[in-house]
Amino acid sequence: MDHRITVDYSTHKGLIRKELYGSGLHIFVSDRNISDFSDVFKTLRFPAVRNHDWSLNNPNQRLIDIHHIFPLLHLDPSDERNYYFAPSDEVIRLVYEADSKVFYRLGTSIEHPFQHLPSDRFPQIRGSLRRRHTALHARLEQRVSLRHEILGNLE
């Protein structure tokens, strides 16, 4: 039995409900000077994007995965100086500027083998990352709301 689905792209039936779609797509930071598709990303209007495997799509960038953010497991996880947040913060900022939010997956990409986090330290590391990114999301959310307010007043 042969089943086929046909899609007529010439007609417009409306928008997909926000609750039903999101993406794993993101704005790449590793090659933005070559191919910056921030404007295209913004037109897709994703309500949220998952950060799964972002480190794999950004070669030579230490971002998102725990072993990139907290690479030296023997150091004190309660000391923020032992974390490397800059690339992750940048890609999250770019996503927020495109009017999307990040659904943050805390872990590691499958293709990145690394030593497993000691079970006694993982709660501290997870807590530090959660606090850091919760604060970052709040700041970015305020900036996006302010930008929308300013743009709304200009119309």
Protein backbone atom coordinates (compact mmCIF):
# COMPACT_ATOMS: atom_id res chain seq x y z
CA MET A 1 0.00 0.00 0.00
CA ASP A 2 1.46 3.34 -1.09
CA HIS A 3 0.76 6.38 1.11
CA ARG A 4 1.68 9.90 0.08
CA ILE A 5 1.34 13.32 1.64
CA THR A 6 0.99 16.30 -0.64
CA VAL A 7 1.57 19.85 0.56
CA ASP A 8 0.38 22.91 -1.34
CA TYR A 9 2.83 25.67 -0.40
CA SER A 10 0.96 28.24 -2.48
CA THR A 11 -1.87 28.51 0.05
CA HIS A 12 -1.77 29.96 3.53
CA LYS A 13 -3.96 28.39 6.21
CA GLY A 14 -2.67 30.26 9.27
CA LEU A 15 0.09 29.93 11.81
CA ILE A 16 1.03 26.87 13.78
CA ARG A 17 0.10 27.31 17.43
CA LYS A 18 3.13 28.45 19.43
CA GLU A 19 2.67 25.62 21.92
CA LEU A 20 3.22 23.07 19.17
CA TYR A 21 6.47 24.12 17.67
CA GLY A 22 9.96 25.04 18.59
CA SER A 23 13.33 24.17 17.23
CA GLY A 24 16.76 22.83 17.93
CA LEU A 25 18.00 25.37 15.41
CA HIS A 26 19.97 28.33 16.70
CA ILE A 27 22.10 31.22 15.61
CA PHE A 28 25.62 29.97 15.00
CA VAL A 29 28.44 31.80 16.71
CA SER A 30 31.36 29.95 15.14
CA ASP A 31 30.90 31.33 11.61
CA ARG A 32 28.79 34.48 12.01
CA ASN A 33 31.26 36.49 9.95
CA ILE A 34 30.75 34.10 7.06
CA SER A 35 27.04 33.31 7.26
CA ASP A 36 24.97 35.26 9.75
CA PHE A 37 21.36 34.19 9.42
CA SER A 38 20.05 36.04 12.48
CA ASP A 39 17.44 37.88 10.39
CA VAL A 40 16.18 34.67 8.80
CA PHE A 41 16.05 33.01 12.22
CA LYS A 42 13.96 35.89 13.54
CA THR A 43 11.41 35.57 10.73
CA LEU A 44 10.82 31.92 11.70
CA ARG A 45 9.33 33.19 14.99
CA PHE A 46 10.23 30.18 17.12
CA PRO A 47 8.73 30.66 20.57
CA ALA A 48 11.50 28.51 22.04
CA VAL A 49 14.56 26.63 20.94
CA ARG A 50 16.32 23.71 22.60
CA ASN A 51 20.04 23.99 23.12
CA HIS A 52 20.60 20.30 22.41
CA ASP A 53 23.84 19.69 20.49
CA TRP A 54 24.60 23.39 19.96
CA SER A 55 28.22 22.70 20.83
CA LEU A 56 28.41 20.20 17.95
CA ASN A 57 27.11 22.82 15.50
CA ASN A 58 29.64 25.41 16.62
CA PRO A 59 33.05 23.86 16.08
CA ASN A 60 35.84 25.09 18.33
CA GLN A 61 33.41 26.88 20.63
CA ARG A 62 33.22 25.83 24.26
CA LEU A 63 29.52 26.30 24.89
CA ILE A 64 26.40 24.80 26.48
CA ASP A 65 27.73 21.35 27.46
CA ILE A 66 28.69 21.02 31.12
CA HIS A 67 32.24 19.90 30.36
CA HIS A 68 32.77 23.08 28.29
CA ILE A 69 31.33 25.41 30.91
CA PHE A 70 32.94 23.68 33.90
CA PRO A 71 35.95 21.92 32.36
CA LEU A 72 38.15 21.35 35.41
CA LEU A 73 36.15 19.01 37.61
CA HIS A 74 38.67 19.12 40.46
CA LEU A 75 37.99 22.84 41.02
CA ASP A 76 35.44 24.28 43.43
CA PRO A 77 31.99 24.35 41.75
CA SER A 78 30.79 27.10 44.09
CA ASP A 79 33.38 29.56 42.69
CA GLU A 80 32.03 31.23 39.53
CA ARG A 81 35.59 31.95 38.36
CA ASN A 82 35.93 28.22 37.59
CA TYR A 83 33.26 28.39 34.87
CA TYR A 84 33.55 29.52 31.27
CA PHE A 85 30.23 31.17 30.41
CA ALA A 86 31.05 33.64 27.62
CA PRO A 87 30.24 31.60 24.45
CA SER A 88 27.07 30.12 25.96
CA ASP A 89 25.90 33.52 27.13
CA GLU A 90 26.52 34.95 23.65
CA VAL A 91 24.50 32.35 21.74
CA ILE A 92 21.66 32.59 24.28
CA ARG A 93 21.71 36.39 23.92
CA LEU A 94 21.47 36.08 20.13
CA VAL A 95 18.47 33.75 20.43
CA TYR A 96 16.70 36.18 22.77
CA GLU A 97 17.42 39.07 20.42
CA ALA A 98 15.65 37.04 17.72
CA ASP A 99 12.56 37.00 19.99
CA SER A 100 12.90 33.35 20.99
CA LYS A 101 13.52 31.76 24.35
CA VAL A 102 15.92 28.95 25.22
CA PHE A 103 14.85 25.63 26.64
CA TYR A 104 18.13 24.82 28.36
CA ARG A 105 19.22 21.19 28.28
CA LEU A 106 21.75 20.64 31.01
CA GLY A 107 24.16 17.87 30.12
CA THR A 108 26.49 16.97 27.30
CA SER A 109 26.13 16.23 23.61
CA ILE A 110 26.37 12.55 22.78
CA GLU A 111 29.38 12.95 20.50
CA HIS A 112 31.41 14.58 23.28
CA PRO A 113 32.73 11.84 25.51
CA PHE A 114 34.11 13.20 28.74
CA GLN A 115 34.73 12.00 32.21
CA HIS A 116 31.49 11.65 34.08
CA LEU A 117 30.76 14.25 36.69
CA PRO A 118 31.31 12.98 40.20
CA SER A 119 27.86 12.37 41.65
CA ASP A 120 28.70 14.33 44.81
CA ARG A 121 29.62 17.44 42.78
CA PHE A 122 26.95 17.39 40.08
CA PRO A 123 24.23 18.99 42.26
CA GLN A 124 26.55 21.94 43.00
CA ILE A 125 27.51 22.36 39.34
CA ARG A 126 23.89 22.02 38.20
CA GLY A 127 22.79 24.56 40.83
CA SER A 128 25.46 27.06 39.78
CA LEU A 129 24.54 26.72 36.10
CA ARG A 130 20.82 27.00 36.83
CA ARG A 131 21.31 30.17 38.92
CA ARG A 132 23.58 31.70 36.30
CA HIS A 133 21.28 31.03 33.37
CA THR A 134 18.10 31.93 35.27
CA ALA A 135 19.63 35.34 35.99
CA LEU A 136 20.82 35.67 32.37
CA HIS A 137 17.37 34.78 31.02
CA ALA A 138 15.74 37.33 33.34
CA ARG A 139 18.10 40.10 32.17
CA LEU A 140 17.58 39.20 28.52
CA GLU A 141 13.81 39.00 28.97
CA GLN A 142 13.84 42.52 30.41
CA ARG A 143 15.87 43.79 27.44
CA VAL A 144 13.51 42.14 24.94
CA SER A 145 10.44 43.56 26.73
CA LEU A 146 11.97 47.03 26.77
CA ARG A 147 12.86 46.78 23.06
CA HIS A 148 9.29 45.72 22.23
CA GLU A 149 7.92 48.60 24.28
CA ILE A 150 10.16 51.11 22.52
CA LEU A 151 9.32 49.70 19.07
CA GLY A 152 5.61 49.69 19.92
CA ASN A 153 5.76 53.35 20.88
CA LEU A 154 7.48 54.20 17.57
CA GLU A 155 4.70 52.70 15.45
